[in-house]
Amino acid sequence: MDVRGDLVTAVYRPVEAQRALRADGRTLGPRLGAYQVLQALPLGEWVPVEGLTDREQRILPAIPTWTRKRRNGRLFRLADLPVRLDLLVTQGTEWLDALDRACVLGLAAPRMAVCFGPVDDGERAVWEADYRGVGLATYREGEMRILVHPQRTVPESAASLHWRLAEQVFSASQGALSERGSPKTVVPVEV
C-alpha cells in the first residue's frame, strides 16, 4: 500500500463473516463519521433510531444502506471490519528512518519498523521504539532480528480510524486480486 508516498506492507486476515456482504467489493468510503456511527451500534442487534444522538441521526443517511437494516424505527448493523489488520510494516535503511515512517501511520494499527542497515545506537533505538509503541526489527544477510515487539492493541480512541484503515486495506487487496489474481502484500503464516 502507498501511504503518503511510502510503501507500507499490511499483514491482514479476511473476515469470513463479511465476505458475502462485500461480494462486489463494497467499502464504506473515507468519511470518518460513518465509521463512528457504525461503531456506536452493536453488531447484530436491533437498536431504536431515537436512541442515537442528533449527530448520529444526521450522519445516518450518508452511510451506505448495505451496512444496516432499518425497520419500524430500529436499526440493525450488518457491517463490520472486512479484514483483521494484524500489522503495518515500514522499511528504512536506518532504524530512525524506519521508525519515523512507522510513526506517521498513527495508532490505527499495530506497527513494525524494519531497518536494513546496522543499528548504531541499539539502546536508544530500543528505547525510542518502545516509547512510540512501534515494533523494531533489523534485517541483515537474510536474518530478521526483532529488537522490540509491536503493541498489539489499538486504543479505543482510534477504533474508527482502525476500521477506516481496514477498509482501505480491503479495497487495495480487492484491486490487487482483480488485476493479478493474488494480493499485493505478502501475508506470513506466523507474525
Protein backbone atom coordinates (compact mmCIF):
# COMPACT_ATOMS: atom_id res chain seq x y z
CA MET A 1 0.00 0.00 0.00
CA ASP A 2 1.14 3.53 -0.66
CA VAL A 3 0.76 5.75 2.42
CA ARG A 4 1.91 9.35 1.95
CA GLY A 5 4.46 8.28 -0.62
CA ASP A 6 5.92 5.40 1.42
CA LEU A 7 5.42 1.72 0.72
CA VAL A 8 3.66 0.04 3.65
CA THR A 9 3.01 -3.69 3.85
CA ALA A 10 -0.25 -4.63 5.54
CA VAL A 11 -0.46 -8.02 7.23
CA TYR A 12 -4.14 -8.88 7.43
CA ARG A 13 -6.70 -11.69 7.53
CA PRO A 14 -10.05 -11.55 5.69
CA VAL A 15 -13.15 -11.69 7.89
CA GLU A 16 -15.20 -14.57 6.55
CA ALA A 17 -18.45 -13.30 8.08
CA GLN A 18 -18.17 -10.15 5.93
CA ARG A 19 -17.36 -11.95 2.66
CA ALA A 20 -20.97 -12.27 1.40
CA LEU A 21 -21.86 -8.71 2.42
CA ARG A 22 -18.91 -7.36 0.45
CA ALA A 23 -19.10 -9.69 -2.54
CA ASP A 24 -18.98 -6.80 -5.04
CA GLY A 25 -16.02 -5.12 -3.30
CA ARG A 26 -18.23 -2.76 -1.28
CA THR A 27 -16.45 -0.36 1.05
CA LEU A 28 -17.63 2.43 3.32
CA GLY A 29 -15.53 5.22 1.82
CA PRO A 30 -13.42 7.87 3.55
CA ARG A 31 -15.95 9.63 5.82
CA LEU A 32 -14.85 9.06 9.43
CA GLY A 33 -18.28 9.96 10.82
CA ALA A 34 -19.77 6.87 9.13
CA TYR A 35 -17.33 4.65 10.98
CA GLN A 36 -18.03 6.41 14.27
CA VAL A 37 -21.80 5.93 13.91
CA LEU A 38 -21.49 2.27 12.92
CA GLN A 39 -19.01 1.70 15.73
CA ALA A 40 -21.61 3.05 18.17
CA LEU A 41 -24.18 0.48 17.00
CA PRO A 42 -23.88 -3.06 18.35
CA LEU A 43 -23.26 -5.65 15.64
CA GLY A 44 -26.24 -7.90 15.01
CA GLU A 45 -28.71 -6.25 17.42
CA TRP A 46 -31.74 -4.05 16.82
CA VAL A 47 -31.37 -0.53 18.23
CA PRO A 48 -34.04 2.22 18.30
CA VAL A 49 -33.14 5.12 15.99
CA GLU A 50 -34.31 7.61 18.60
CA GLY A 51 -31.56 6.23 20.88
CA LEU A 52 -28.95 7.74 18.55
CA THR A 53 -27.56 11.21 19.19
CA ASP A 54 -28.60 14.10 16.92
CA ARG A 55 -25.19 13.96 15.23
CA GLU A 56 -25.50 10.21 14.59
CA GLN A 57 -29.00 10.66 13.16
CA ARG A 58 -27.74 13.38 10.79
CA ILE A 59 -24.87 11.18 9.56
CA LEU A 60 -27.03 8.05 9.16
CA PRO A 61 -28.42 8.94 5.68
CA ALA A 62 -24.83 9.24 4.36
CA ILE A 63 -23.97 5.69 5.42
CA PRO A 64 -24.48 3.09 2.65
CA THR A 65 -27.69 1.12 3.13
CA TRP A 66 -25.96 -2.25 2.68
CA THR A 67 -24.27 -1.73 6.08
CA ARG A 68 -27.51 -1.97 8.04
CA LYS A 69 -31.19 -2.86 8.06
CA ARG A 70 -33.81 -0.32 9.08
CA ARG A 71 -37.31 -1.35 10.13
CA ASN A 72 -40.01 0.15 12.37
CA GLY A 73 -37.78 2.91 13.71
CA ARG A 74 -34.98 0.50 14.56
CA LEU A 75 -31.52 -0.23 13.11
CA PHE A 76 -29.64 -3.49 12.75
CA ARG A 77 -25.90 -3.20 11.95
CA LEU A 78 -24.62 -5.71 9.39
CA ALA A 79 -21.20 -4.28 8.50
CA ASP A 80 -18.02 -4.86 10.44
CA LEU A 81 -14.33 -4.71 9.61
CA PRO A 82 -13.72 -6.52 6.30
CA VAL A 83 -10.21 -7.59 7.38
CA ARG A 84 -8.39 -8.08 10.67
CA LEU A 85 -5.41 -5.81 10.45
CA ASP A 86 -2.55 -7.55 12.28
CA LEU A 87 0.39 -5.32 11.43
CA LEU A 88 1.63 -2.47 9.25
CA VAL A 89 5.28 -2.81 8.26
CA THR A 90 7.51 0.05 7.14
CA GLN A 91 11.08 -0.14 5.91
CA GLY A 92 14.13 2.07 6.05
CA THR A 93 17.87 1.88 5.60
CA GLU A 94 18.46 3.21 9.13
CA TRP A 95 16.47 2.48 12.29
CA LEU A 96 15.39 6.09 12.85
CA ASP A 97 14.18 6.42 9.26
CA ALA A 98 12.15 3.19 9.51
CA LEU A 99 10.77 4.23 12.91
CA ASP A 100 9.72 7.68 11.64
CA ARG A 101 7.89 6.07 8.71
CA ALA A 102 6.01 3.81 11.13
CA CYS A 103 5.10 6.70 13.44
CA VAL A 104 3.48 8.60 10.57
CA LEU A 105 0.88 5.83 10.41
CA GLY A 106 -0.53 6.78 13.81
CA LEU A 107 -2.22 4.46 16.28
CA ALA A 108 -4.77 2.98 13.87
CA ALA A 109 -2.98 -0.39 13.73
CA PRO A 110 -0.02 -2.23 15.24
CA ARG A 111 3.18 -1.06 13.53
CA MET A 112 6.60 -2.59 12.86
CA ALA A 113 9.65 -0.74 11.52
CA VAL A 114 12.26 -2.85 9.72
CA CYS A 115 15.69 -1.38 9.06
CA PHE A 116 18.15 -2.89 6.62
CA GLY A 117 21.27 -1.21 7.97
CA PRO A 118 23.15 -1.69 11.21
CA VAL A 119 21.70 -0.24 14.42
CA ASP A 120 24.49 2.04 15.60
CA ASP A 121 22.90 3.03 18.94
CA GLY A 122 20.93 -0.05 19.96
CA GLU A 123 19.91 1.19 23.40
CA ARG A 124 18.45 4.42 22.04
CA ALA A 125 16.74 2.57 19.16
CA VAL A 126 15.03 0.17 21.55
CA TRP A 127 14.04 2.99 23.89
CA GLU A 128 12.58 5.12 21.04
CA ALA A 129 10.65 2.22 19.53
CA ASP A 130 9.23 1.16 22.89
CA TYR A 131 8.28 4.73 23.79
CA ARG A 132 6.45 5.20 20.47
CA GLY A 133 4.71 1.81 20.69
CA VAL A 134 6.28 0.63 17.45
CA GLY A 135 7.97 -2.70 16.89
CA LEU A 136 11.54 -2.56 15.63
CA ALA A 137 13.45 -5.21 13.71
CA THR A 138 16.64 -5.45 11.70
CA TYR A 139 17.08 -7.47 8.54
CA ARG A 140 20.62 -8.28 7.50
CA GLU A 141 22.13 -11.09 5.49
CA GLY A 142 18.82 -12.94 5.25
CA GLU A 143 18.18 -12.88 9.00
CA MET A 144 15.42 -10.99 10.81
CA ARG A 145 16.10 -9.91 14.39
CA ILE A 146 13.27 -8.41 16.43
CA LEU A 147 14.51 -5.80 18.89
CA VAL A 148 11.09 -4.58 20.12
CA HIS A 149 7.75 -6.31 19.66
CA PRO A 150 4.93 -4.06 18.43
CA GLN A 151 1.96 -3.14 20.60
CA ARG A 152 -0.85 -5.47 19.55
CA THR A 153 -3.86 -3.44 20.62
CA VAL A 154 -5.43 -0.36 19.11
CA PRO A 155 -6.65 2.24 21.61
CA GLU A 156 -10.42 2.73 21.73
CA SER A 157 -9.90 6.35 20.68
CA ALA A 158 -8.51 5.09 17.34
CA ALA A 159 -11.16 2.40 16.70
CA SER A 160 -12.89 4.33 13.90
CA LEU A 161 -9.54 5.09 12.27
CA HIS A 162 -8.66 1.40 12.53
CA TRP A 163 -11.91 0.45 10.74
CA ARG A 164 -11.31 3.03 8.00
CA LEU A 165 -7.76 1.71 7.51
CA ALA A 166 -9.09 -1.86 7.37
CA GLU A 167 -11.48 -0.71 4.61
CA GLN A 168 -8.54 0.80 2.69
CA VAL A 169 -6.55 -2.43 3.02
CA PHE A 170 -9.59 -4.42 1.87
CA SER A 171 -10.09 -2.11 -1.09
CA ALA A 172 -6.41 -2.33 -2.07
CA SER A 173 -6.48 -6.11 -1.79
CA GLN A 174 -9.58 -6.34 -3.98
CA GLY A 175 -7.92 -4.20 -6.64
CA ALA A 176 -4.81 -6.36 -6.50
CA LEU A 177 -6.83 -9.57 -6.74
CA SER A 178 -8.79 -8.40 -9.75
CA GLU A 179 -5.65 -7.19 -11.57
CA ARG A 180 -3.27 -10.08 -10.92
CA GLY A 181 -5.16 -12.85 -9.16
CA SER A 182 -3.07 -12.50 -5.98
CA PRO A 183 -2.71 -9.84 -3.28
CA LYS A 184 -0.11 -7.06 -3.46
CA THR A 185 1.05 -7.73 0.07
CA VAL A 186 2.64 -10.85 1.44
CA VAL A 187 0.89 -12.29 4.47
CA PRO A 188 3.11 -14.54 6.58
CA VAL A 189 1.55 -17.54 8.27
CA GLU A 190 3.08 -16.56 11.62
CA VAL A 191 3.59 -12.99 12.76
